[in-house]
Amino acid sequence: MSEPVLEVENLTVSFPTDEGTVQAVRGVGFSLHPGRVLGIAGESGSGKSVTALAIMGLLPRNARVAGSVRFRGEELLGKRDRDLAKIRGSHISVIFQDPTSSLNPVYTVGWQVAEVISEHRNVSKDEAWKRAVELLEIVGIPRAAERAKSYPHEFSGGMQQRVVIATAMANDPDVIIADEATTALDVTVQAQVLEALKAAQAETQAAMMFITHDLGVMAGFADEIMVMYAGKPVEYGSTDDIFYAPRMPYTVGLLASLPRLDTDASEPLRPIPGSPPSLVHLPPGCPFTPRCPLAQAICSQEEPELRAVEGAGHRAACHFSEELAGRGEEIFAATATDSELHG
């Protein structure tokens, strides 16, 4: 495998508040390789988006960030905003959930894509415009030459997101971070945007971080998946390992809560009981203990490390990961009450 373009090691992010220190990210580490997609999954508040913002240098000033983020061997943490701005957009691009926050309503979409190209490359306005139209075609905008002259409000939400994707790939970035880029879209449009993301990656051969709370969306898209809980990675492995051989009860619960075509439509979904813990006063031990059907005394005393389990590169943070082999989602079916299933 080629050298990684982005390496994150022991990344921690905390925020001081009146109630105490919020430990938003706790020891995240991974590597991104060209042409590969790393999916990052977890419930809201698990630290997915904060991790992305820390990498981009877009956290508020009160954030306390430690660890290491290296782009092609160059440390990004601690760099001045002016230096980071040169890397953002040209080498590392980000696609946020809400396209309206990324597009300026007073300029045409073609102008906005062309402006990103002109900002980072020494090209003429005509060349930038021609490339902008090409990018809009790549992400599936029909009649791109004509629609490039339209304003954002003349596009649907899905079409706006395609424009943002075109903007993200404008300068052939090495890394694309898609932060909940398909979350606010209906299923049909979501599939179309995923196709646009695949086209963007095929065009740029970029490494991609694909952040979502929906594991189902990752099934045919991500090469590896990192599952996060309470600010920390709790399982990491190939997409097949995560879907067919999960070794952390939280991952099993996320999979069990997905709608499935091979079950009776009248059968209720199986939610994970309970709620995520407060990141201000984390209890000792594994944060998932109060919600875990396999929890035993050691779980509330000692937080497990992310350690190797069966499968190349497969790691899980669970004291009893071996006991999960072959058991699957029935561990939650056995503990879910009728009231939990029906709200």
C-alpha atoms as a PDB file:
ATOM      1  CA  MET A   1       0.000   0.000   0.000  1.00  0.00           C
ATOM      2  CA  SER A   2       1.208   3.534  -0.791  1.00  0.00           C
ATOM      3  CA  GLU A   3       2.387   5.953   1.880  1.00  0.00           C
ATOM      4  CA  PRO A   4      -0.417   7.651   3.827  1.00  0.00           C
ATOM      5  CA  VAL A   5      -1.231  11.245   2.908  1.00  0.00           C
ATOM      6  CA  LEU A   6      -2.717  12.000   6.335  1.00  0.00           C
ATOM      7  CA  GLU A   7      -1.685  10.495   9.673  1.00  0.00           C
ATOM      8  CA  VAL A   8      -3.521  11.204  12.915  1.00  0.00           C
ATOM      9  CA  GLU A   9      -2.013  10.002  16.199  1.00  0.00           C
ATOM     10  CA  ASN A  10      -3.462  10.240  19.709  1.00  0.00           C
ATOM     11  CA  LEU A  11      -5.618  13.261  18.820  1.00  0.00           C
ATOM     12  CA  THR A  12      -7.420  14.757  21.819  1.00  0.00           C
ATOM     13  CA  VAL A  13      -9.779  17.738  21.888  1.00  0.00           C
ATOM     14  CA  SER A  14     -11.386  19.267  24.971  1.00  0.00           C
ATOM     15  CA  PHE A  15     -13.457  22.365  25.687  1.00  0.00           C
ATOM     16  CA  PRO A  16     -13.629  24.178  29.034  1.00  0.00           C
ATOM     17  CA  THR A  17     -17.187  24.931  30.196  1.00  0.00           C
ATOM     18  CA  ASP A  18     -18.862  26.151  33.389  1.00  0.00           C
ATOM     19  CA  GLU A  19     -19.844  22.543  34.177  1.00  0.00           C
ATOM     20  CA  GLY A  20     -16.336  21.211  33.607  1.00  0.00           C
ATOM     21  CA  THR A  21     -14.081  20.107  30.746  1.00  0.00           C
ATOM     22  CA  VAL A  22     -15.801  18.421  27.796  1.00  0.00           C
ATOM     23  CA  GLN A  23     -13.584  15.591  26.543  1.00  0.00           C
ATOM     24  CA  ALA A  24     -14.855  15.671  22.975  1.00  0.00           C
ATOM     25  CA  VAL A  25     -12.117  13.558  21.353  1.00  0.00           C
ATOM     26  CA  ARG A  26      -9.987  11.066  23.286  1.00  0.00           C
ATOM     27  CA  GLY A  27      -7.024   9.458  21.570  1.00  0.00           C
ATOM     28  CA  VAL A  28      -8.115   9.169  17.931  1.00  0.00           C
ATOM     29  CA  GLY A  29      -5.618   7.696  15.496  1.00  0.00           C
ATOM     30  CA  PHE A  30      -5.767   6.545  11.863  1.00  0.00           C
ATOM     31  CA  SER A  31      -4.047   6.858   8.478  1.00  0.00           C
ATOM     32  CA  LEU A  32      -5.552   7.872   5.134  1.00  0.00           C
ATOM     33  CA  HIS A  33      -4.143   6.427   1.910  1.00  0.00           C
ATOM     34  CA  PRO A  34      -4.652   7.701  -1.657  1.00  0.00           C
ATOM     35  CA  GLY A  35      -7.801   6.382  -3.306  1.00  0.00           C
ATOM     36  CA  ARG A  36      -9.129   4.827  -0.085  1.00  0.00           C
ATOM     37  CA  VAL A  37     -12.243   5.748   1.898  1.00  0.00           C
ATOM     38  CA  LEU A  38     -12.276   5.661   5.693  1.00  0.00           C
ATOM     39  CA  GLY A  39     -15.795   5.746   7.088  1.00  0.00           C
ATOM     40  CA  ILE A  40     -16.217   7.202  10.577  1.00  0.00           C
ATOM     41  CA  ALA A  41     -19.477   6.215  12.272  1.00  0.00           C
ATOM     42  CA  GLY A  42     -21.164   6.837  15.594  1.00  0.00           C
ATOM     43  CA  GLU A  43     -24.084   8.565  17.271  1.00  0.00           C
ATOM     44  CA  SER A  44     -24.305  12.339  17.561  1.00  0.00           C
ATOM     45  CA  GLY A  45     -21.760  13.576  20.098  1.00  0.00           C
ATOM     46  CA  SER A  46     -19.323  10.710  19.516  1.00  0.00           C
ATOM     47  CA  GLY A  47     -16.576  13.077  18.318  1.00  0.00           C
ATOM     48  CA  LYS A  48     -16.732  12.477  14.544  1.00  0.00           C
ATOM     49  CA  SER A  49     -17.152  16.061  13.378  1.00  0.00           C
ATOM     50  CA  VAL A  50     -14.854  17.511  16.063  1.00  0.00           C
ATOM     51  CA  THR A  51     -12.130  15.200  14.760  1.00  0.00           C
ATOM     52  CA  ALA A  52     -12.626  16.557  11.237  1.00  0.00           C
ATOM     53  CA  LEU A  53     -12.635  20.179  12.395  1.00  0.00           C
ATOM     54  CA  ALA A  54      -9.455  19.600  14.402  1.00  0.00           C
ATOM     55  CA  ILE A  55      -7.724  18.224  11.309  1.00  0.00           C
ATOM     56  CA  MET A  56      -8.832  21.259   9.287  1.00  0.00           C
ATOM     57  CA  GLY A  57      -7.863  23.727  12.013  1.00  0.00           C
ATOM     58  CA  LEU A  58     -11.423  25.048  12.196  1.00  0.00           C
ATOM     59  CA  LEU A  59     -12.151  24.612  15.908  1.00  0.00           C
ATOM     60  CA  PRO A  60     -13.003  27.641  18.093  1.00  0.00           C
ATOM     61  CA  ARG A  61     -10.146  29.315  19.948  1.00  0.00           C
ATOM     62  CA  ASN A  62     -11.134  27.858  23.317  1.00  0.00           C
ATOM     63  CA  ALA A  63     -10.558  24.304  22.057  1.00  0.00           C
ATOM     64  CA  ARG A  64      -7.576  22.509  23.577  1.00  0.00           C
ATOM     65  CA  VAL A  65      -6.032  20.253  20.950  1.00  0.00           C
ATOM     66  CA  ALA A  66      -3.164  17.809  21.462  1.00  0.00           C
ATOM     67  CA  GLY A  67      -1.625  14.889  19.591  1.00  0.00           C
ATOM     68  CA  SER A  68      -0.421  14.877  16.006  1.00  0.00           C
ATOM     69  CA  VAL A  69      -1.970  15.509  12.569  1.00  0.00           C
ATOM     70  CA  ARG A  70       0.565  15.110   9.747  1.00  0.00           C
ATOM     71  CA  PHE A  71      -0.139  15.855   6.101  1.00  0.00           C
ATOM     72  CA  ARG A  72       2.532  14.199   3.929  1.00  0.00           C
ATOM     73  CA  GLY A  73       4.794  14.207   6.969  1.00  0.00           C
ATOM     74  CA  GLU A  74       4.199  17.867   7.820  1.00  0.00           C
ATOM     75  CA  GLU A  75       2.679  18.604  11.244  1.00  0.00           C
ATOM     76  CA  LEU A  76      -0.534  20.646  11.000  1.00  0.00           C
ATOM     77  CA  LEU A  77      -1.355  21.137  14.683  1.00  0.00           C
ATOM     78  CA  GLY A  78       0.029  24.441  15.879  1.00  0.00           C
ATOM     79  CA  LYS A  79       0.279  25.978  12.415  1.00  0.00           C
ATOM     80  CA  ARG A  80      -0.884  29.556  11.960  1.00  0.00           C
ATOM     81  CA  ASP A  81      -4.281  30.111  10.301  1.00  0.00           C
ATOM     82  CA  ARG A  82      -2.562  31.774   7.335  1.00  0.00           C
ATOM     83  CA  ASP A  83      -0.446  28.664   6.705  1.00  0.00           C
ATOM     84  CA  LEU A  84      -3.386  26.305   7.178  1.00  0.00           C
ATOM     85  CA  ALA A  85      -5.467  28.334   4.717  1.00  0.00           C
ATOM     86  CA  LYS A  86      -2.939  27.458   1.988  1.00  0.00           C
ATOM     87  CA  ILE A  87      -3.494  23.754   2.659  1.00  0.00           C
ATOM     88  CA  ARG A  88      -7.278  23.947   2.988  1.00  0.00           C
ATOM     89  CA  GLY A  89      -8.945  23.936  -0.402  1.00  0.00           C
ATOM     90  CA  SER A  90      -5.817  23.092  -2.364  1.00  0.00           C
ATOM     91  CA  HIS A  91      -4.672  19.919  -0.543  1.00  0.00           C
ATOM     92  CA  ILE A  92      -7.437  19.142   1.966  1.00  0.00           C
ATOM     93  CA  SER A  93     -11.077  19.889   1.119  1.00  0.00           C
ATOM     94  CA  VAL A  94     -14.177  19.547   3.250  1.00  0.00           C
ATOM     95  CA  ILE A  95     -17.841  18.968   2.371  1.00  0.00           C
ATOM     96  CA  PHE A  96     -20.256  19.904   5.151  1.00  0.00           C
ATOM     97  CA  GLN A  97     -23.786  18.660   5.807  1.00  0.00           C
ATOM     98  CA  ASP A  98     -25.611  21.869   4.849  1.00  0.00           C
ATOM     99  CA  PRO A  99     -24.680  23.047   1.340  1.00  0.00           C
ATOM    100  CA  THR A 100     -26.433  26.399   1.855  1.00  0.00           C
ATOM    101  CA  SER A 101     -23.795  27.302   4.439  1.00  0.00           C
ATOM    102  CA  SER A 102     -21.044  26.673   1.872  1.00  0.00           C
ATOM    103  CA  LEU A 103     -22.566  28.501  -1.115  1.00  0.00           C
ATOM    104  CA  ASN A 104     -22.894  32.265  -1.452  1.00  0.00           C
ATOM    105  CA  PRO A 105     -26.434  33.145  -2.583  1.00  0.00           C
ATOM    106  CA  VAL A 106     -25.369  36.264  -4.547  1.00  0.00           C
ATOM    107  CA  TYR A 107     -22.992  34.525  -6.977  1.00  0.00           C
ATOM    108  CA  THR A 108     -23.660  31.923  -9.658  1.00  0.00           C
ATOM    109  CA  VAL A 109     -22.566  28.378  -8.872  1.00  0.00           C
ATOM    110  CA  GLY A 110     -20.139  28.368 -11.795  1.00  0.00           C
ATOM    111  CA  TRP A 111     -18.495  31.556 -10.578  1.00  0.00           C
ATOM    112  CA  GLN A 112     -18.048  30.059  -7.107  1.00  0.00           C
ATOM    113  CA  VAL A 113     -16.382  26.897  -8.403  1.00  0.00           C
ATOM    114  CA  ALA A 114     -14.205  28.926 -10.779  1.00  0.00           C
ATOM    115  CA  GLU A 115     -13.208  31.300  -7.965  1.00  0.00           C
ATOM    116  CA  VAL A 116     -11.835  28.405  -5.900  1.00  0.00           C
ATOM    117  CA  ILE A 117      -9.755  27.323  -8.897  1.00  0.00           C
ATOM    118  CA  SER A 118      -8.440  30.866  -9.507  1.00  0.00           C
ATOM    119  CA  GLU A 119      -7.570  31.315  -5.843  1.00  0.00           C
ATOM    120  CA  HIS A 120      -5.149  28.400  -5.798  1.00  0.00           C
ATOM    121  CA  ARG A 121      -3.957  28.204  -9.421  1.00  0.00           C
ATOM    122  CA  ASN A 122      -2.384  30.588 -11.881  1.00  0.00           C
ATOM    123  CA  VAL A 123      -5.004  30.298 -14.628  1.00  0.00           C
ATOM    124  CA  SER A 124      -7.074  32.739 -16.651  1.00  0.00           C
ATOM    125  CA  LYS A 125     -10.733  33.403 -15.888  1.00  0.00           C
ATOM    126  CA  ASP A 126     -11.770  31.581 -19.045  1.00  0.00           C
ATOM    127  CA  GLU A 127      -9.717  28.528 -18.100  1.00  0.00           C
ATOM    128  CA  ALA A 128     -11.156  28.547 -14.562  1.00  0.00           C
ATOM    129  CA  TRP A 129     -14.699  28.793 -15.939  1.00  0.00           C
ATOM    130  CA  LYS A 130     -14.130  25.952 -18.404  1.00  0.00           C
ATOM    131  CA  ARG A 131     -12.776  23.737 -15.629  1.00  0.00           C
ATOM    132  CA  ALA A 132     -15.718  24.661 -13.369  1.00  0.00           C
ATOM    133  CA  VAL A 133     -18.163  23.492 -16.039  1.00  0.00           C
ATOM    134  CA  GLU A 134     -16.206  20.226 -16.439  1.00  0.00           C
ATOM    135  CA  LEU A 135     -16.386  19.615 -12.683  1.00  0.00           C
ATOM    136  CA  LEU A 136     -20.118  20.276 -12.602  1.00  0.00           C
ATOM    137  CA  GLU A 137     -20.530  17.712 -15.376  1.00  0.00           C
ATOM    138  CA  ILE A 138     -18.450  15.156 -13.444  1.00  0.00           C
ATOM    139  CA  VAL A 139     -20.689  15.417 -10.355  1.00  0.00           C
ATOM    140  CA  GLY A 140     -23.827  14.965 -12.454  1.00  0.00           C
ATOM    141  CA  ILE A 141     -25.220  18.470 -12.986  1.00  0.00           C
ATOM    142  CA  PRO A 142     -27.343  18.234 -16.189  1.00  0.00           C
ATOM    143  CA  ARG A 143     -26.670  20.862 -18.866  1.00  0.00           C
ATOM    144  CA  ALA A 144     -23.677  21.990 -16.838  1.00  0.00           C
ATOM    145  CA  ALA A 145     -22.621  24.824 -19.160  1.00  0.00           C
ATOM    146  CA  GLU A 146     -26.083  26.348 -18.857  1.00  0.00           C
ATOM    147  CA  ARG A 147     -26.712  25.591 -15.182  1.00  0.00           C
ATOM    148  CA  ALA A 148     -23.330  27.018 -14.178  1.00  0.00           C
ATOM    149  CA  LYS A 149     -24.928  30.440 -14.709  1.00  0.00           C
ATOM    150  CA  SER A 150     -27.660  29.680 -12.151  1.00  0.00           C
ATOM    151  CA  TYR A 151     -27.729  30.809  -8.521  1.00  0.00           C
ATOM    152  CA  PRO A 152     -27.775  28.392  -5.559  1.00  0.00           C
ATOM    153  CA  HIS A 153     -31.462  29.017  -4.782  1.00  0.00           C
ATOM    154  CA  GLU A 154     -32.340  27.697  -8.245  1.00  0.00           C
ATOM    155  CA  PHE A 155     -30.960  24.278  -7.291  1.00  0.00           C
ATOM    156  CA  SER A 156     -32.479  21.559  -5.096  1.00  0.00           C
ATOM    157  CA  GLY A 157     -30.680  20.493  -1.924  1.00  0.00           C
ATOM    158  CA  GLY A 158     -29.145  17.495  -3.682  1.00  0.00           C
ATOM    159  CA  MET A 159     -27.971  19.630  -6.621  1.00  0.00           C
ATOM    160  CA  GLN A 160     -26.498  22.192  -4.215  1.00  0.00           C
ATOM    161  CA  GLN A 161     -24.546  19.421  -2.509  1.00  0.00           C
ATOM    162  CA  ARG A 162     -23.188  18.333  -5.909  1.00  0.00           C
ATOM    163  CA  VAL A 163     -21.947  21.879  -6.482  1.00  0.00           C
ATOM    164  CA  VAL A 164     -20.179  21.775  -3.103  1.00  0.00           C
ATOM    165  CA  ILE A 165     -18.583  18.463  -4.099  1.00  0.00           C
ATOM    166  CA  ALA A 166     -17.422  20.033  -7.377  1.00  0.00           C
ATOM    167  CA  THR A 167     -15.918  22.896  -5.376  1.00  0.00           C
ATOM    168  CA  ALA A 168     -14.164  20.433  -3.038  1.00  0.00           C
ATOM    169  CA  MET A 169     -12.504  18.647  -5.964  1.00  0.00           C
ATOM    170  CA  ALA A 170     -11.655  21.862  -7.853  1.00  0.00           C
ATOM    171  CA  ASN A 171      -7.931  21.736  -7.116  1.00  0.00           C
ATOM    172  CA  ASP A 172      -7.393  17.961  -7.149  1.00  0.00           C
ATOM    173  CA  PRO A 173      -7.017  17.686  -3.359  1.00  0.00           C
ATOM    174  CA  ASP A 174      -5.090  14.900  -1.671  1.00  0.00           C
ATOM    175  CA  VAL A 175      -7.734  14.516   1.056  1.00  0.00           C
ATOM    176  CA  ILE A 176     -11.507  15.069   0.945  1.00  0.00           C
ATOM    177  CA  ILE A 177     -13.425  15.173   4.234  1.00  0.00           C
ATOM    178  CA  ALA A 178     -17.169  14.586   3.799  1.00  0.00           C
ATOM    179  CA  ASP A 179     -18.849  15.482   7.103  1.00  0.00           C
ATOM    180  CA  GLU A 180     -22.430  14.143   7.118  1.00  0.00           C
ATOM    181  CA  ALA A 181     -22.623  15.148   3.436  1.00  0.00           C
ATOM    182  CA  THR A 182     -25.673  12.941   2.763  1.00  0.00           C
ATOM    183  CA  THR A 183     -27.499  13.209   6.089  1.00  0.00           C
ATOM    184  CA  ALA A 184     -30.107  15.864   5.246  1.00  0.00           C
ATOM    185  CA  LEU A 185     -31.142  14.229   1.951  1.00  0.00           C
ATOM    186  CA  ASP A 186     -33.843  11.698   1.130  1.00  0.00           C
ATOM    187  CA  VAL A 187     -32.784   8.190   0.151  1.00  0.00           C
ATOM    188  CA  THR A 188     -32.937   8.693  -3.628  1.00  0.00           C
ATOM    189  CA  VAL A 189     -30.997  11.970  -3.581  1.00  0.00           C
ATOM    190  CA  GLN A 190     -28.601  10.452  -1.039  1.00  0.00           C
ATOM    191  CA  ALA A 191     -27.704   7.723  -3.536  1.00  0.00           C
ATOM    192  CA  GLN A 192     -27.139  10.326  -6.251  1.00  0.00           C
ATOM    193  CA  VAL A 193     -24.836  12.371  -4.003  1.00  0.00           C
ATOM    194  CA  LEU A 194     -22.885   9.209  -3.123  1.00  0.00           C
ATOM    195  CA  GLU A 195     -22.375   8.650  -6.850  1.00  0.00           C
ATOM    196  CA  ALA A 196     -21.120  12.239  -7.111  1.00  0.00           C
ATOM    197  CA  LEU A 197     -18.672  11.589  -4.260  1.00  0.00           C
ATOM    198  CA  LYS A 198     -17.431   8.440  -6.007  1.00  0.00           C
ATOM    199  CA  ALA A 199     -16.961  10.453  -9.195  1.00  0.00           C
ATOM    200  CA  ALA A 200     -15.031  13.096  -7.263  1.00  0.00           C
ATOM    201  CA  GLN A 201     -12.710  10.510  -5.799  1.00  0.00           C
ATOM    202  CA  ALA A 202     -12.212   8.779  -9.146  1.00  0.00           C
ATOM    203  CA  GLU A 203     -11.275  12.132 -10.692  1.00  0.00           C
ATOM    204  CA  THR A 204      -8.863  13.214  -7.933  1.00  0.00           C
ATOM    205  CA  GLN A 205      -7.690   9.842  -6.507  1.00  0.00           C
ATOM    206  CA  ALA A 206      -7.943  11.567  -3.125  1.00  0.00           C
ATOM    207  CA  ALA A 207      -8.052   9.836   0.216  1.00  0.00           C
ATOM    208  CA  MET A 208     -11.461  10.380   1.799  1.00  0.00           C
ATOM    209  CA  MET A 209     -12.866  10.615   5.310  1.00  0.00           C
ATOM    210  CA  PHE A 210     -16.594   9.869   5.095  1.00  0.00           C
ATOM    211  CA  ILE A 211     -18.339  10.821   8.341  1.00  0.00           C
ATOM    212  CA  THR A 212     -21.885   9.669   9.071  1.00  0.00           C
ATOM    213  CA  HIS A 213     -24.087   8.267  11.823  1.00  0.00           C
ATOM    214  CA  ASP A 214     -25.586   5.817   9.306  1.00  0.00           C
ATOM    215  CA  LEU A 215     -23.554   2.638   8.901  1.00  0.00           C
ATOM    216  CA  GLY A 216     -25.857   1.508   6.101  1.00  0.00           C
ATOM    217  CA  VAL A 217     -24.675   4.333   3.841  1.00  0.00           C
ATOM    218  CA  MET A 218     -21.080   3.130   4.229  1.00  0.00           C
ATOM    219  CA  ALA A 219     -21.719  -0.448   3.134  1.00  0.00           C
ATOM    220  CA  GLY A 220     -20.839  -0.010  -0.527  1.00  0.00           C
ATOM    221  CA  PHE A 221     -18.665   3.059  -0.189  1.00  0.00           C
ATOM    222  CA  ALA A 222     -16.038   2.790   2.569  1.00  0.00           C
ATOM    223  CA  ASP A 223     -12.963   0.573   2.451  1.00  0.00           C
ATOM    224  CA  GLU A 224     -12.379   0.719   6.220  1.00  0.00           C
ATOM    225  CA  ILE A 225     -14.645   1.872   9.041  1.00  0.00           C
ATOM    226  CA  MET A 226     -13.806   3.422  12.399  1.00  0.00           C
ATOM    227  CA  VAL A 227     -16.629   3.362  14.938  1.00  0.00           C
ATOM    228  CA  MET A 228     -16.507   6.052  17.625  1.00  0.00           C
ATOM    229  CA  TYR A 229     -18.220   6.245  20.998  1.00  0.00           C
ATOM    230  CA  ALA A 230     -17.841   8.886  23.728  1.00  0.00           C
ATOM    231  CA  GLY A 231     -15.044  10.599  21.808  1.00  0.00           C
ATOM    232  CA  LYS A 232     -12.935   7.489  21.297  1.00  0.00           C
ATOM    233  CA  PRO A 233     -12.486   4.829  18.575  1.00  0.00           C
ATOM    234  CA  VAL A 234     -14.056   1.582  19.789  1.00  0.00           C
ATOM    235  CA  GLU A 235     -13.685  -0.532  16.648  1.00  0.00           C
ATOM    236  CA  TYR A 236     -11.642  -0.306  13.456  1.00  0.00           C
ATOM    237  CA  GLY A 237     -11.515  -2.689  10.529  1.00  0.00           C
ATOM    238  CA  SER A 238     -12.382  -3.393   6.924  1.00  0.00           C
ATOM    239  CA  THR A 239     -15.995  -2.807   5.922  1.00  0.00           C
ATOM    240  CA  ASP A 240     -16.537  -6.581   5.712  1.00  0.00           C
ATOM    241  CA  ASP A 241     -15.109  -7.101   9.220  1.00  0.00           C
ATOM    242  CA  ILE A 242     -17.353  -4.394  10.688  1.00  0.00           C
ATOM    243  CA  PHE A 243     -20.524  -5.656   8.987  1.00  0.00           C
ATOM    244  CA  TYR A 244     -19.984  -9.411   9.176  1.00  0.00           C
ATOM    245  CA  ALA A 245     -17.740  -9.884  12.215  1.00  0.00           C
ATOM    246  CA  PRO A 246     -18.234  -6.943  14.628  1.00  0.00           C
ATOM    247  CA  ARG A 247     -16.374  -7.391  17.912  1.00  0.00           C
ATOM    248  CA  MET A 248     -17.639  -4.441  19.967  1.00  0.00           C
ATOM    249  CA  PRO A 249     -21.197  -4.482  21.393  1.00  0.00           C
ATOM    250  CA  TYR A 250     -21.768  -0.858  20.372  1.00  0.00           C
ATOM    251  CA  THR A 251     -21.038  -1.710  16.727  1.00  0.00           C
ATOM    252  CA  VAL A 252     -23.389  -4.688  16.997  1.00  0.00           C
ATOM    253  CA  GLY A 253     -26.081  -2.359  18.341  1.00  0.00           C
ATOM    254  CA  LEU A 254     -25.638   0.123  15.495  1.00  0.00           C
ATOM    255  CA  LEU A 255     -25.992  -2.683  12.957  1.00  0.00           C
ATOM    256  CA  ALA A 256     -29.019  -4.145  14.733  1.00  0.00           C
ATOM    257  CA  SER A 257     -30.804  -0.784  14.572  1.00  0.00           C
ATOM    258  CA  LEU A 258     -30.570  -0.587  10.766  1.00  0.00           C
ATOM    259  CA  PRO A 259     -33.704  -1.361   8.704  1.00  0.00           C
ATOM    260  CA  ARG A 260     -33.273  -4.625   6.776  1.00  0.00           C
ATOM    261  CA  LEU A 261     -34.904  -6.017   3.648  1.00  0.00           C
ATOM    262  CA  ASP A 262     -34.646  -9.633   4.828  1.00  0.00           C
ATOM    263  CA  THR A 263     -36.937  -9.163   7.850  1.00  0.00           C
ATOM    264  CA  ASP A 264     -40.690  -8.793   8.257  1.00  0.00           C
ATOM    265  CA  ALA A 265     -41.735  -5.173   7.681  1.00  0.00           C
ATOM    266  CA  SER A 266     -43.885  -5.336  10.821  1.00  0.00           C
ATOM    267  CA  GLU A 267     -40.910  -6.304  12.969  1.00  0.00           C
ATOM    268  CA  PRO A 268     -39.784  -3.294  15.059  1.00  0.00           C
ATOM    269  CA  LEU A 269     -36.252  -1.961  14.906  1.00  0.00           C
ATOM    270  CA  ARG A 270     -33.902  -2.796  17.773  1.00  0.00           C
ATOM    271  CA  PRO A 271     -32.550   0.429  19.238  1.00  0.00           C
ATOM    272  CA  ILE A 272     -29.615   0.499  21.625  1.00  0.00           C
ATOM    273  CA  PRO A 273     -31.127   1.051  25.080  1.00  0.00           C
ATOM    274  CA  GLY A 274     -30.090   4.103  27.088  1.00  0.00           C
ATOM    275  CA  SER A 275     -28.214   7.234  26.028  1.00  0.00           C
ATOM    276  CA  PRO A 276     -24.566   8.169  25.455  1.00  0.00           C
ATOM    277  CA  PRO A 277     -22.720   9.405  28.569  1.00  0.00           C
ATOM    278  CA  SER A 278     -21.888  13.008  29.384  1.00  0.00           C
ATOM    279  CA  LEU A 279     -18.432  13.909  28.123  1.00  0.00           C
ATOM    280  CA  VAL A 280     -17.930  16.281  31.051  1.00  0.00           C
ATOM    281  CA  HIS A 281     -17.768  13.715  33.833  1.00  0.00           C
ATOM    282  CA  LEU A 282     -16.972  10.380  32.243  1.00  0.00           C
ATOM    283  CA  PRO A 283     -17.203   7.509  34.734  1.00  0.00           C
ATOM    284  CA  PRO A 284     -14.288   5.082  35.101  1.00  0.00           C
ATOM    285  CA  GLY A 285     -14.243   2.023  32.908  1.00  0.00           C
ATOM    286  CA  CYS A 286     -15.863   1.546  29.511  1.00  0.00           C
ATOM    287  CA  PRO A 287     -18.311   4.397  28.693  1.00  0.00           C
ATOM    288  CA  PHE A 288     -20.651   1.910  27.006  1.00  0.00           C
ATOM    289  CA  THR A 289     -21.065  -0.191  30.177  1.00  0.00           C
ATOM    290  CA  PRO A 290     -24.538   1.132  31.227  1.00  0.00           C
ATOM    291  CA  ARG A 291     -25.946   0.216  27.775  1.00  0.00           C
ATOM    292  CA  CYS A 292     -24.041  -3.013  27.161  1.00  0.00           C
ATOM    293  CA  PRO A 293     -25.745  -6.444  27.464  1.00  0.00           C
ATOM    294  CA  LEU A 294     -22.356  -8.132  28.005  1.00  0.00           C
ATOM    295  CA  ALA A 295     -21.119  -5.794  30.757  1.00  0.00           C
ATOM    296  CA  GLN A 296     -19.420  -7.341  33.797  1.00  0.00           C
ATOM    297  CA  ALA A 297     -17.606  -5.922  36.820  1.00  0.00           C
ATOM    298  CA  ILE A 298     -14.328  -5.230  34.998  1.00  0.00           C
ATOM    299  CA  CYS A 299     -16.161  -3.077  32.444  1.00  0.00           C
ATOM    300  CA  SER A 300     -17.019  -0.413  35.033  1.00  0.00           C
ATOM    301  CA  GLN A 301     -13.484  -0.445  36.438  1.00  0.00           C
ATOM    302  CA  GLU A 302     -11.146  -0.474  33.439  1.00  0.00           C
ATOM    303  CA  GLU A 303     -11.597   1.110  30.004  1.00  0.00           C
ATOM    304  CA  PRO A 304     -10.424  -1.401  27.361  1.00  0.00           C
ATOM    305  CA  GLU A 305      -7.769  -0.422  24.834  1.00  0.00           C
ATOM    306  CA  LEU A 306      -8.277  -0.776  21.103  1.00  0.00           C
ATOM    307  CA  ARG A 307      -6.599  -4.148  20.514  1.00  0.00           C
ATOM    308  CA  ALA A 308      -6.197  -6.597  17.667  1.00  0.00           C
ATOM    309  CA  VAL A 309      -8.895  -9.217  17.125  1.00  0.00           C
ATOM    310  CA  GLU A 310      -9.333 -11.839  14.417  1.00  0.00           C
ATOM    311  CA  GLY A 311      -8.992 -10.279  10.959  1.00  0.00           C
ATOM    312  CA  ALA A 312      -6.160  -8.313   9.346  1.00  0.00           C
ATOM    313  CA  GLY A 313      -6.080  -4.832  10.864  1.00  0.00           C
ATOM    314  CA  HIS A 314      -9.292  -5.461  12.814  1.00  0.00           C
ATOM    315  CA  ARG A 315      -9.225  -3.906  16.297  1.00  0.00           C
ATOM    316  CA  ALA A 316     -11.871  -3.553  19.001  1.00  0.00           C
ATOM    317  CA  ALA A 317     -12.083  -1.946  22.443  1.00  0.00           C
ATOM    318  CA  CYS A 318     -13.981  -4.562  24.458  1.00  0.00           C
ATOM    319  CA  HIS A 319     -12.964  -6.876  27.300  1.00  0.00           C
ATOM    320  CA  PHE A 320     -15.166  -9.598  25.822  1.00  0.00           C
ATOM    321  CA  SER A 321     -14.711  -9.168  22.074  1.00  0.00           C
ATOM    322  CA  GLU A 322     -13.984 -12.891  21.657  1.00  0.00           C
ATOM    323  CA  GLU A 323     -17.403 -13.748  23.077  1.00  0.00           C
ATOM    324  CA  LEU A 324     -19.086 -11.748  20.311  1.00  0.00           C
ATOM    325  CA  ALA A 325     -17.798 -14.008  17.541  1.00  0.00           C
ATOM    326  CA  GLY A 326     -20.800 -15.402  15.693  1.00  0.00           C
ATOM    327  CA  ARG A 327     -23.372 -14.046  18.144  1.00  0.00           C
ATOM    328  CA  GLY A 328     -24.456 -10.926  16.271  1.00  0.00           C
ATOM    329  CA  GLU A 329     -27.410  -8.696  17.003  1.00  0.00           C
ATOM    330  CA  GLU A 330     -29.374 -11.154  19.151  1.00  0.00           C
ATOM    331  CA  ILE A 331     -27.466  -9.869  22.184  1.00  0.00           C
ATOM    332  CA  PHE A 332     -29.593  -6.716  21.980  1.00  0.00           C
ATOM    333  CA  ALA A 333     -32.796  -8.548  21.065  1.00  0.00           C
ATOM    334  CA  ALA A 334     -32.495 -10.458  24.318  1.00  0.00           C
ATOM    335  CA  THR A 335     -32.251  -7.311  26.430  1.00  0.00           C
ATOM    336  CA  ALA A 336     -34.637  -4.931  24.657  1.00  0.00           C
ATOM    337  CA  THR A 337     -37.932  -4.403  26.448  1.00  0.00           C
ATOM    338  CA  ASP A 338     -41.224  -3.805  24.691  1.00  0.00           C
ATOM    339  CA  SER A 339     -41.257  -0.197  25.873  1.00  0.00           C
ATOM    340  CA  GLU A 340     -37.783   0.392  24.444  1.00  0.00           C
ATOM    341  CA  LEU A 341     -38.784  -1.063  21.119  1.00  0.00           C
ATOM    342  CA  HIS A 342     -41.929   1.013  20.773  1.00  0.00           C
ATOM    343  CA  GLY A 343     -40.765   4.196  22.505  1.00  0.00           C
END
